[in-house]
Amino acid sequence: MNTRMEEIMHAIEHNKLTADDPFRFHCTQCGKSCINREDILLTPLDLFRIANELKLSLKELTSSEAPVIEYFYMNPGCGDNTRTQTLREWFDSFGIPLDDDFFIVWATFQKNFVMLIRETERLLGESAMRQIWSPIFGILYLCYDLEKEFLPQFRENAEKLLRGLQMIAGTKTT
């Protein structure tokens, strides 16, 4: 395991926060520290919101250059530590509710997806998997009507994707 993964695993095990625990971090919005980070992943909902805000299609956005939820804090190595806030305050500043339904659906999907994708990789091999990664990306990140509510569309896309992988792997998820 590389050093960065060890840091992430340590943070997961030792830095859990509740919604009202304070942590020190202030994003200076420099735009430099978030680029090319392996530990910062956008969800389909993130892309949906960004596309709506920028008035771009999901295709334009991604091709342009421009259960129980637990939180843990890991200093991203950017910004300054001039501000102390709680998770609740941090989330509120971005208009994200702590009980966001999407994150529960997303976490559940990821658990099932990881199990199925591993089995699919085992059965099909690396060469065949390269052929299906693009459609997987398309289903998860691009197949949304920006005029409609996101969550029902995501649920439908996630179910289709999991069903397809189940057919390939010959398994069922919970």
N, C-alpha and C. Protein backbone atom coordinates (compact mmCIF):
# COMPACT_ATOMS: atom_id res chain seq x y z
N MET A 1 0.86 -1.17 0.00
CA MET A 1 0.00 0.00 0.00
C MET A 1 0.91 1.24 0.00
N ASN A 2 0.59 2.22 -0.87
CA ASN A 2 1.43 3.41 -0.92
C ASN A 2 1.18 4.33 0.27
N THR A 3 2.06 5.29 0.46
CA THR A 3 2.00 6.19 1.62
C THR A 3 0.68 6.95 1.69
N ARG A 4 0.19 7.45 0.55
CA ARG A 4 -1.06 8.22 0.55
C ARG A 4 -2.23 7.35 0.99
N MET A 5 -2.28 6.11 0.52
CA MET A 5 -3.36 5.20 0.92
C MET A 5 -3.26 4.89 2.41
N GLU A 6 -2.05 4.75 2.93
CA GLU A 6 -1.88 4.52 4.36
C GLU A 6 -2.40 5.71 5.16
N GLU A 7 -2.14 6.93 4.69
CA GLU A 7 -2.66 8.13 5.36
C GLU A 7 -4.18 8.14 5.35
N ILE A 8 -4.77 7.79 4.22
CA ILE A 8 -6.23 7.76 4.10
C ILE A 8 -6.81 6.72 5.05
N MET A 9 -6.24 5.53 5.06
CA MET A 9 -6.74 4.47 5.94
C MET A 9 -6.60 4.86 7.42
N HIS A 10 -5.50 5.51 7.78
CA HIS A 10 -5.31 5.97 9.16
C HIS A 10 -6.37 6.99 9.52
N ALA A 11 -6.65 7.92 8.60
CA ALA A 11 -7.67 8.95 8.86
C ALA A 11 -9.04 8.31 9.03
N ILE A 12 -9.36 7.33 8.22
CA ILE A 12 -10.65 6.65 8.33
C ILE A 12 -10.79 6.00 9.71
N GLU A 13 -9.72 5.39 10.17
CA GLU A 13 -9.77 4.68 11.45
C GLU A 13 -9.72 5.60 12.67
N HIS A 14 -9.02 6.75 12.55
CA HIS A 14 -8.74 7.54 13.76
C HIS A 14 -9.31 8.95 13.77
N ASN A 15 -9.85 9.44 12.68
CA ASN A 15 -10.27 10.84 12.62
C ASN A 15 -11.76 11.00 12.36
N LYS A 16 -12.58 10.10 12.84
CA LYS A 16 -14.01 10.22 12.61
C LYS A 16 -14.58 11.42 13.35
N LEU A 17 -15.53 12.07 12.71
CA LEU A 17 -16.19 13.23 13.28
C LEU A 17 -17.69 13.02 13.31
N THR A 18 -18.34 13.62 14.29
CA THR A 18 -19.79 13.71 14.24
C THR A 18 -20.13 15.03 13.57
N ALA A 19 -21.38 15.25 13.31
CA ALA A 19 -21.80 16.46 12.60
C ALA A 19 -21.44 17.73 13.36
N ASP A 20 -21.31 17.67 14.67
CA ASP A 20 -21.06 18.87 15.45
C ASP A 20 -19.66 18.95 16.05
N ASP A 21 -18.77 18.04 15.64
CA ASP A 21 -17.37 18.12 16.07
C ASP A 21 -16.66 19.20 15.26
N PRO A 22 -15.89 20.07 15.94
CA PRO A 22 -15.17 21.12 15.19
C PRO A 22 -13.91 20.54 14.54
N PHE A 23 -13.51 21.14 13.45
CA PHE A 23 -12.23 20.84 12.81
C PHE A 23 -11.68 22.13 12.24
N ARG A 24 -10.37 22.20 12.08
CA ARG A 24 -9.73 23.43 11.60
C ARG A 24 -9.36 23.25 10.14
N PHE A 25 -9.96 24.08 9.29
CA PHE A 25 -9.62 24.12 7.87
C PHE A 25 -10.35 25.29 7.25
N HIS A 26 -9.71 26.00 6.38
CA HIS A 26 -10.34 27.07 5.64
C HIS A 26 -9.84 26.99 4.22
N CYS A 27 -10.72 26.73 3.29
CA CYS A 27 -10.36 26.67 1.89
C CYS A 27 -10.14 28.09 1.37
N THR A 28 -8.98 28.34 0.80
CA THR A 28 -8.70 29.65 0.24
C THR A 28 -9.14 29.73 -1.22
N GLN A 29 -9.74 28.66 -1.72
CA GLN A 29 -10.26 28.57 -3.09
C GLN A 29 -9.21 28.93 -4.13
N CYS A 30 -8.00 28.41 -3.90
CA CYS A 30 -6.90 28.67 -4.83
C CYS A 30 -7.06 27.85 -6.11
N GLY A 31 -7.77 26.72 -6.02
CA GLY A 31 -7.98 25.88 -7.20
C GLY A 31 -6.77 25.04 -7.56
N LYS A 32 -5.71 25.12 -6.78
CA LYS A 32 -4.49 24.39 -7.11
C LYS A 32 -4.40 23.04 -6.42
N SER A 33 -4.86 22.97 -5.19
CA SER A 33 -4.67 21.76 -4.39
C SER A 33 -5.65 20.65 -4.71
N CYS A 34 -6.76 20.96 -5.34
CA CYS A 34 -7.78 19.96 -5.63
C CYS A 34 -7.57 19.27 -6.98
N ILE A 35 -6.63 19.78 -7.76
CA ILE A 35 -6.41 19.25 -9.11
C ILE A 35 -5.53 18.01 -9.05
N ASN A 36 -5.93 16.98 -9.82
CA ASN A 36 -5.16 15.73 -9.93
C ASN A 36 -4.96 15.03 -8.59
N ARG A 37 -5.96 15.08 -7.73
CA ARG A 37 -5.91 14.40 -6.44
C ARG A 37 -6.65 13.08 -6.58
N GLU A 38 -6.01 11.99 -6.18
CA GLU A 38 -6.63 10.66 -6.25
C GLU A 38 -7.65 10.45 -5.14
N ASP A 39 -7.57 11.25 -4.08
CA ASP A 39 -8.47 11.05 -2.94
C ASP A 39 -9.66 11.98 -2.96
N ILE A 40 -9.82 12.78 -4.02
CA ILE A 40 -10.99 13.63 -4.17
C ILE A 40 -11.75 13.13 -5.40
N LEU A 41 -12.87 12.49 -5.16
CA LEU A 41 -13.65 11.94 -6.25
C LEU A 41 -14.97 12.67 -6.36
N LEU A 42 -15.36 13.00 -7.57
CA LEU A 42 -16.66 13.60 -7.80
C LEU A 42 -17.69 12.50 -7.95
N THR A 43 -18.84 12.72 -7.35
CA THR A 43 -19.95 11.79 -7.51
C THR A 43 -20.77 12.23 -8.71
N PRO A 44 -21.66 11.38 -9.20
CA PRO A 44 -22.55 11.82 -10.28
C PRO A 44 -23.37 13.04 -9.88
N LEU A 45 -23.77 13.15 -8.61
CA LEU A 45 -24.52 14.31 -8.16
C LEU A 45 -23.66 15.58 -8.24
N ASP A 46 -22.38 15.47 -7.90
CA ASP A 46 -21.48 16.62 -8.04
C ASP A 46 -21.47 17.11 -9.48
N LEU A 47 -21.30 16.20 -10.43
CA LEU A 47 -21.27 16.59 -11.85
C LEU A 47 -22.60 17.17 -12.29
N PHE A 48 -23.68 16.60 -11.82
CA PHE A 48 -25.03 17.08 -12.14
C PHE A 48 -25.17 18.54 -11.69
N ARG A 49 -24.77 18.81 -10.45
CA ARG A 49 -24.87 20.17 -9.91
C ARG A 49 -23.96 21.14 -10.66
N ILE A 50 -22.74 20.71 -10.95
CA ILE A 50 -21.79 21.56 -11.67
C ILE A 50 -22.33 21.89 -13.06
N ALA A 51 -22.85 20.87 -13.76
CA ALA A 51 -23.39 21.08 -15.11
C ALA A 51 -24.55 22.07 -15.06
N ASN A 52 -25.43 21.92 -14.09
CA ASN A 52 -26.56 22.86 -13.96
C ASN A 52 -26.05 24.27 -13.70
N GLU A 53 -25.10 24.41 -12.81
CA GLU A 53 -24.57 25.73 -12.46
C GLU A 53 -23.89 26.39 -13.65
N LEU A 54 -23.14 25.61 -14.42
CA LEU A 54 -22.41 26.15 -15.57
C LEU A 54 -23.24 26.18 -16.85
N LYS A 55 -24.48 25.66 -16.76
CA LYS A 55 -25.37 25.61 -17.94
C LYS A 55 -24.71 24.83 -19.08
N LEU A 56 -24.09 23.70 -18.74
CA LEU A 56 -23.46 22.81 -19.72
C LEU A 56 -24.16 21.46 -19.67
N SER A 57 -24.08 20.72 -20.75
CA SER A 57 -24.55 19.34 -20.70
C SER A 57 -23.50 18.53 -19.93
N LEU A 58 -23.89 17.37 -19.46
CA LEU A 58 -22.94 16.51 -18.76
C LEU A 58 -21.80 16.09 -19.68
N LYS A 59 -22.12 15.85 -20.93
CA LYS A 59 -21.10 15.48 -21.91
C LYS A 59 -20.09 16.61 -22.09
N GLU A 60 -20.61 17.84 -22.22
CA GLU A 60 -19.71 19.00 -22.37
C GLU A 60 -18.83 19.17 -21.13
N LEU A 61 -19.42 18.99 -19.98
CA LEU A 61 -18.68 19.18 -18.74
C LEU A 61 -17.54 18.17 -18.61
N THR A 62 -17.82 16.90 -18.89
CA THR A 62 -16.80 15.87 -18.67
C THR A 62 -15.78 15.82 -19.80
N SER A 63 -16.10 16.38 -20.95
CA SER A 63 -15.11 16.36 -22.03
C SER A 63 -14.40 17.69 -22.17
N SER A 64 -14.85 18.70 -21.45
CA SER A 64 -14.18 19.99 -21.53
C SER A 64 -12.96 19.97 -20.61
N GLU A 65 -12.12 20.93 -20.78
CA GLU A 65 -10.96 21.01 -19.90
C GLU A 65 -11.28 21.84 -18.67
N ALA A 66 -12.21 22.65 -18.92
CA ALA A 66 -12.62 23.42 -17.77
C ALA A 66 -13.05 22.38 -16.50
N PRO A 67 -26.71 3.71 3.88
CA PRO A 67 -26.30 3.05 5.16
C PRO A 67 -26.01 4.02 6.27
N VAL A 68 -25.04 4.04 6.98
CA VAL A 68 -24.69 5.02 7.99
C VAL A 68 -23.58 5.84 7.36
N ILE A 69 -23.77 7.11 7.42
CA ILE A 69 -22.74 7.98 6.87
C ILE A 69 -21.80 8.37 8.00
N GLU A 70 -20.52 8.10 7.79
CA GLU A 70 -19.50 8.51 8.74
C GLU A 70 -18.59 9.50 8.04
N TYR A 71 -18.15 10.47 8.79
CA TYR A 71 -17.25 11.47 8.25
C TYR A 71 -15.92 11.36 8.96
N PHE A 72 -14.85 11.62 8.27
CA PHE A 72 -13.55 11.68 8.91
C PHE A 72 -12.79 12.87 8.33
N TYR A 73 -11.91 13.40 9.13
CA TYR A 73 -11.15 14.56 8.68
C TYR A 73 -9.73 14.15 8.35
N MET A 74 -9.29 14.59 7.20
CA MET A 74 -7.92 14.40 6.79
C MET A 74 -7.46 15.70 6.17
N ASN A 75 -6.46 16.32 6.75
CA ASN A 75 -6.00 17.61 6.26
C ASN A 75 -5.60 17.48 4.79
N PRO A 76 -6.23 18.25 3.90
CA PRO A 76 -5.93 18.13 2.48
C PRO A 76 -4.61 18.78 2.07
N GLY A 77 -3.95 19.44 3.01
CA GLY A 77 -2.66 20.02 2.71
C GLY A 77 -2.73 21.32 1.93
N CYS A 78 -3.89 21.96 1.95
CA CYS A 78 -4.04 23.24 1.26
C CYS A 78 -4.82 24.18 2.17
N GLY A 79 -5.08 25.37 1.70
CA GLY A 79 -5.83 26.33 2.49
C GLY A 79 -5.01 26.79 3.69
N ASP A 80 -5.67 27.38 4.63
CA ASP A 80 -5.00 27.77 5.88
C ASP A 80 -5.90 27.34 7.03
N ASN A 81 -5.36 27.31 8.20
CA ASN A 81 -6.12 26.84 9.36
C ASN A 81 -6.64 28.00 10.20
N THR A 82 -7.12 29.03 9.54
CA THR A 82 -7.58 30.23 10.26
C THR A 82 -9.02 30.13 10.73
N ARG A 83 -9.69 29.08 10.37
CA ARG A 83 -11.11 28.99 10.70
C ARG A 83 -11.42 27.64 11.34
N THR A 84 -12.20 27.67 12.42
CA THR A 84 -12.69 26.45 13.04
C THR A 84 -14.18 26.37 12.77
N GLN A 85 -14.64 25.20 12.34
CA GLN A 85 -16.05 25.01 12.01
C GLN A 85 -16.45 23.57 12.27
N THR A 86 -17.73 23.32 12.26
CA THR A 86 -18.22 21.96 12.40
C THR A 86 -18.58 21.44 11.01
N LEU A 87 -18.78 20.13 10.92
CA LEU A 87 -19.24 19.56 9.65
C LEU A 87 -20.56 20.17 9.24
N ARG A 88 -21.44 20.34 10.22
CA ARG A 88 -22.74 20.92 9.93
C ARG A 88 -22.57 22.30 9.28
N GLU A 89 -21.69 23.13 9.84
CA GLU A 89 -21.43 24.47 9.28
C GLU A 89 -20.80 24.37 7.89
N TRP A 90 -19.86 23.46 7.73
CA TRP A 90 -19.18 23.27 6.44
C TRP A 90 -20.20 22.86 5.38
N PHE A 91 -21.02 21.86 5.68
CA PHE A 91 -22.03 21.40 4.73
C PHE A 91 -23.04 22.52 4.43
N ASP A 92 -23.48 23.22 5.48
CA ASP A 92 -24.43 24.32 5.28
C ASP A 92 -23.88 25.38 4.33
N SER A 93 -22.59 25.63 4.40
CA SER A 93 -22.00 26.66 3.53
C SER A 93 -22.10 26.28 2.06
N PHE A 94 -22.27 25.00 1.77
CA PHE A 94 -22.42 24.53 0.39
C PHE A 94 -23.86 24.12 0.07
N GLY A 95 -24.77 24.30 1.03
CA GLY A 95 -26.17 23.95 0.81
C GLY A 95 -26.41 22.45 0.76
N ILE A 96 -25.58 21.68 1.45
CA ILE A 96 -25.73 20.22 1.46
C ILE A 96 -26.28 19.80 2.82
N PRO A 97 -27.42 19.12 2.84
CA PRO A 97 -27.95 18.65 4.13
C PRO A 97 -27.14 17.46 4.65
N LEU A 98 -27.01 17.36 5.97
CA LEU A 98 -26.29 16.22 6.55
C LEU A 98 -26.97 14.89 6.25
N ASP A 99 -28.27 14.91 6.15
CA ASP A 99 -29.02 13.67 5.88
C ASP A 99 -29.34 13.55 4.39
N ASP A 100 -28.42 13.92 3.55
CA ASP A 100 -28.59 13.91 2.10
C ASP A 100 -28.86 12.48 1.60
N ASP A 101 -30.04 12.26 1.06
CA ASP A 101 -30.43 10.94 0.57
C ASP A 101 -29.46 10.40 -0.46
N PHE A 102 -28.93 11.27 -1.31
CA PHE A 102 -28.04 10.80 -2.36
C PHE A 102 -26.83 10.07 -1.80
N PHE A 103 -26.23 10.58 -0.75
CA PHE A 103 -25.01 9.97 -0.24
C PHE A 103 -25.27 8.56 0.30
N ILE A 104 -26.44 8.33 0.86
CA ILE A 104 -26.79 6.98 1.31
C ILE A 104 -26.96 6.06 0.11
N VAL A 105 -27.67 6.53 -0.90
CA VAL A 105 -27.87 5.73 -2.12
C VAL A 105 -26.53 5.48 -2.80
N TRP A 106 -25.68 6.50 -2.87
CA TRP A 106 -24.37 6.39 -3.50
C TRP A 106 -23.49 5.37 -2.77
N ALA A 107 -23.45 5.43 -1.43
CA ALA A 107 -22.63 4.50 -0.65
C ALA A 107 -23.12 3.06 -0.84
N THR A 108 -24.42 2.87 -0.85
CA THR A 108 -24.98 1.54 -1.06
C THR A 108 -24.64 1.03 -2.46
N PHE A 109 -24.79 1.90 -3.44
CA PHE A 109 -24.43 1.53 -4.81
C PHE A 109 -22.96 1.12 -4.89
N GLN A 110 -22.08 1.92 -4.29
CA GLN A 110 -20.65 1.63 -4.37
C GLN A 110 -20.32 0.26 -3.78
N LYS A 111 -20.94 -0.07 -2.65
CA LYS A 111 -20.70 -1.37 -2.02
C LYS A 111 -21.06 -2.49 -2.99
N ASN A 112 -22.24 -2.41 -3.59
CA ASN A 112 -22.68 -3.44 -4.53
C ASN A 112 -21.85 -3.42 -5.81
N PHE A 113 -21.54 -2.24 -6.30
CA PHE A 113 -20.77 -2.10 -7.53
C PHE A 113 -19.38 -2.71 -7.39
N VAL A 114 -18.70 -2.42 -6.29
CA VAL A 114 -17.34 -2.93 -6.09
C VAL A 114 -17.34 -4.46 -6.10
N MET A 115 -18.29 -5.06 -5.41
CA MET A 115 -18.35 -6.53 -5.39
C MET A 115 -18.58 -7.08 -6.79
N LEU A 116 -19.52 -6.48 -7.51
CA LEU A 116 -19.83 -6.96 -8.86
C LEU A 116 -18.71 -6.69 -9.86
N ILE A 117 -18.08 -5.56 -9.76
CA ILE A 117 -17.04 -5.24 -10.73
C ILE A 117 -15.83 -6.15 -10.52
N ARG A 118 -15.53 -6.50 -9.29
CA ARG A 118 -14.42 -7.44 -9.03
C ARG A 118 -14.73 -8.81 -9.64
N GLU A 119 -15.95 -9.26 -9.45
CA GLU A 119 -16.33 -10.56 -10.02
C GLU A 119 -16.32 -10.50 -11.55
N THR A 120 -16.81 -9.39 -12.10
CA THR A 120 -16.82 -9.22 -13.55
C THR A 120 -15.40 -9.20 -14.10
N GLU A 121 -14.50 -8.49 -13.42
CA GLU A 121 -13.09 -8.47 -13.84
C GLU A 121 -12.48 -9.86 -13.80
N ARG A 122 -12.81 -10.61 -12.76
CA ARG A 122 -12.29 -11.98 -12.63
C ARG A 122 -12.76 -12.85 -13.80
N LEU A 123 -14.03 -12.70 -14.15
CA LEU A 123 -14.60 -13.52 -15.21
C LEU A 123 -14.16 -13.09 -16.62
N LEU A 124 -14.11 -11.80 -16.86
CA LEU A 124 -13.86 -11.31 -18.22
C LEU A 124 -12.39 -11.03 -18.53
N GLY A 125 -11.63 -10.68 -17.54
CA GLY A 125 -10.23 -10.33 -17.77
C GLY A 125 -10.06 -8.87 -18.11
N GLU A 126 -8.80 -8.44 -18.10
CA GLU A 126 -8.46 -7.03 -18.26
C GLU A 126 -8.85 -6.46 -19.62
N SER A 127 -8.63 -7.21 -20.67
CA SER A 127 -8.91 -6.72 -22.02
C SER A 127 -10.39 -6.42 -22.21
N ALA A 128 -11.24 -7.32 -21.80
CA ALA A 128 -12.69 -7.12 -21.93
C ALA A 128 -13.17 -5.99 -21.02
N MET A 129 -12.57 -5.87 -19.86
CA MET A 129 -12.98 -4.81 -18.93
C MET A 129 -12.71 -3.44 -19.52
N ARG A 130 -11.63 -3.29 -20.27
CA ARG A 130 -11.36 -1.99 -20.90
C ARG A 130 -12.50 -1.59 -21.83
N GLN A 131 -13.18 -2.56 -22.40
CA GLN A 131 -14.29 -2.28 -23.31
C GLN A 131 -15.56 -1.82 -22.58
N ILE A 132 -15.71 -2.19 -21.32
CA ILE A 132 -16.94 -1.83 -20.63
C ILE A 132 -16.81 -0.64 -19.68
N TRP A 133 -15.58 -0.16 -19.43
CA TRP A 133 -15.44 0.98 -18.53
C TRP A 133 -16.07 2.25 -19.09
N SER A 134 -15.98 2.46 -20.38
CA SER A 134 -16.58 3.67 -20.96
C SER A 134 -18.10 3.67 -20.83
N PRO A 135 -18.78 2.56 -21.17
CA PRO A 135 -20.24 2.55 -20.95
C PRO A 135 -20.62 2.69 -19.47
N ILE A 136 -19.83 2.12 -18.58
CA ILE A 136 -20.11 2.27 -17.15
C ILE A 136 -20.04 3.74 -16.77
N PHE A 137 -18.99 4.42 -17.22
CA PHE A 137 -18.86 5.86 -16.96
C PHE A 137 -20.06 6.62 -17.52
N GLY A 138 -20.45 6.29 -18.75
CA GLY A 138 -21.57 6.97 -19.38
C GLY A 138 -22.86 6.81 -18.59
N ILE A 139 -23.13 5.61 -18.14
CA ILE A 139 -24.36 5.34 -17.38
C ILE A 139 -24.34 6.08 -16.04
N LEU A 140 -23.20 6.05 -15.35
CA LEU A 140 -23.12 6.67 -14.02
C LEU A 140 -23.04 8.18 -14.05
N TYR A 141 -22.36 8.74 -15.05
CA TYR A 141 -22.06 10.16 -15.00
C TYR A 141 -22.71 11.01 -16.09
N LEU A 142 -23.16 10.43 -17.17
CA LEU A 142 -23.61 11.25 -18.30
C LEU A 142 -25.09 11.12 -18.65
N CYS A 143 -25.74 10.08 -18.25
CA CYS A 143 -27.12 9.81 -18.69
C CYS A 143 -28.15 10.45 -17.76
N TYR A 144 -28.20 11.78 -17.78
CA TYR A 144 -29.14 12.51 -16.95
C TYR A 144 -29.77 13.63 -17.75
N ASP A 145 -31.05 13.83 -17.50
CA ASP A 145 -31.77 14.96 -18.08
C ASP A 145 -31.70 16.09 -17.06
N LEU A 146 -31.03 17.17 -17.41
CA LEU A 146 -30.82 18.26 -16.46
C LEU A 146 -32.11 18.99 -16.10
N GLU A 147 -33.17 18.73 -16.84
CA GLU A 147 -34.47 19.34 -16.55
C GLU A 147 -35.26 18.55 -15.50
N LYS A 148 -34.79 17.35 -15.19
CA LYS A 148 -35.50 16.48 -14.24
C LYS A 148 -34.71 16.36 -12.95
N GLU A 149 -35.38 15.88 -11.90
CA GLU A 149 -34.74 15.68 -10.61
C GLU A 149 -33.64 14.61 -10.74
N PHE A 150 -32.53 14.83 -10.06
CA PHE A 150 -31.37 13.96 -10.19
C PHE A 150 -31.57 12.58 -9.56
N LEU A 151 -31.98 12.52 -8.29
CA LEU A 151 -31.96 11.26 -7.55
C LEU A 151 -32.75 10.14 -8.20
N PRO A 152 -33.97 10.36 -8.68
CA PRO A 152 -34.67 9.24 -9.34
C PRO A 152 -33.92 8.75 -10.58
N GLN A 153 -33.30 9.67 -11.31
CA GLN A 153 -32.52 9.28 -12.49
C GLN A 153 -31.30 8.46 -12.08
N PHE A 154 -30.63 8.90 -11.02
CA PHE A 154 -29.45 8.16 -10.56
C PHE A 154 -29.85 6.76 -10.11
N ARG A 155 -30.94 6.67 -9.34
CA ARG A 155 -31.38 5.34 -8.87
C ARG A 155 -31.64 4.41 -10.05
N GLU A 156 -32.32 4.93 -11.06
CA GLU A 156 -32.61 4.12 -12.25
C GLU A 156 -31.33 3.70 -12.96
N ASN A 157 -30.41 4.63 -13.15
CA ASN A 157 -29.14 4.31 -13.82
C ASN A 157 -28.33 3.29 -13.02
N ALA A 158 -28.29 3.49 -11.70
CA ALA A 158 -27.53 2.57 -10.84
C ALA A 158 -28.13 1.17 -10.88
N GLU A 159 -29.46 1.09 -10.84
CA GLU A 159 -30.12 -0.22 -10.91
C GLU A 159 -29.83 -0.92 -12.24
N LYS A 160 -29.90 -0.18 -13.34
CA LYS A 160 -29.60 -0.75 -14.66
C LYS A 160 -28.16 -1.27 -14.71
N LEU A 161 -27.25 -0.48 -14.21
CA LEU A 161 -25.85 -0.87 -14.23
C LEU A 161 -25.61 -2.11 -13.37
N LEU A 162 -26.16 -2.13 -12.17
CA LEU A 162 -25.99 -3.29 -11.30
C LEU A 162 -26.63 -4.54 -11.90
N ARG A 163 -27.81 -4.39 -12.50
CA ARG A 163 -28.46 -5.54 -13.15
C ARG A 163 -27.60 -6.08 -14.29
N GLY A 164 -27.03 -5.18 -15.08
CA GLY A 164 -26.16 -5.61 -16.18
C GLY A 164 -24.94 -6.35 -15.67
N LEU A 165 -24.32 -5.84 -14.63
CA LEU A 165 -23.15 -6.51 -14.06
C LEU A 165 -23.53 -7.84 -13.42
N GLN A 166 -24.73 -7.88 -12.81
CA GLN A 166 -25.20 -9.15 -12.23
C GLN A 166 -25.37 -10.20 -13.31
N MET A 167 -25.89 -9.79 -14.45
CA MET A 167 -26.07 -10.73 -15.55
C MET A 167 -24.72 -11.27 -16.02
N ILE A 168 -23.75 -10.39 -16.13
CA ILE A 168 -22.41 -10.83 -16.55
C ILE A 168 -21.78 -11.74 -15.51
N ALA A 169 -21.88 -11.33 -14.25
CA ALA A 169 -21.22 -12.09 -13.17
C ALA A 169 -22.06 -13.28 -12.69
N GLY A 170 -23.34 -13.29 -13.05
CA GLY A 170 -24.20 -14.38 -12.62
C GLY A 170 -24.46 -14.38 -11.13
N THR A 171 -24.53 -13.18 -10.52
CA THR A 171 -24.73 -13.07 -9.07
C THR A 171 -25.89 -12.14 -8.77
N LYS A 172 -26.24 -12.06 -7.49
CA LYS A 172 -27.25 -11.11 -7.02
C LYS A 172 -26.67 -10.33 -5.86
N THR A 173 -27.03 -9.03 -5.77
CA THR A 173 -26.60 -8.22 -4.64
C THR A 173 -27.78 -7.95 -3.74
N THR A 174 -27.47 -7.45 -2.54
CA THR A 174 -28.54 -7.10 -1.59
C THR A 174 -28.89 -5.66 -1.70
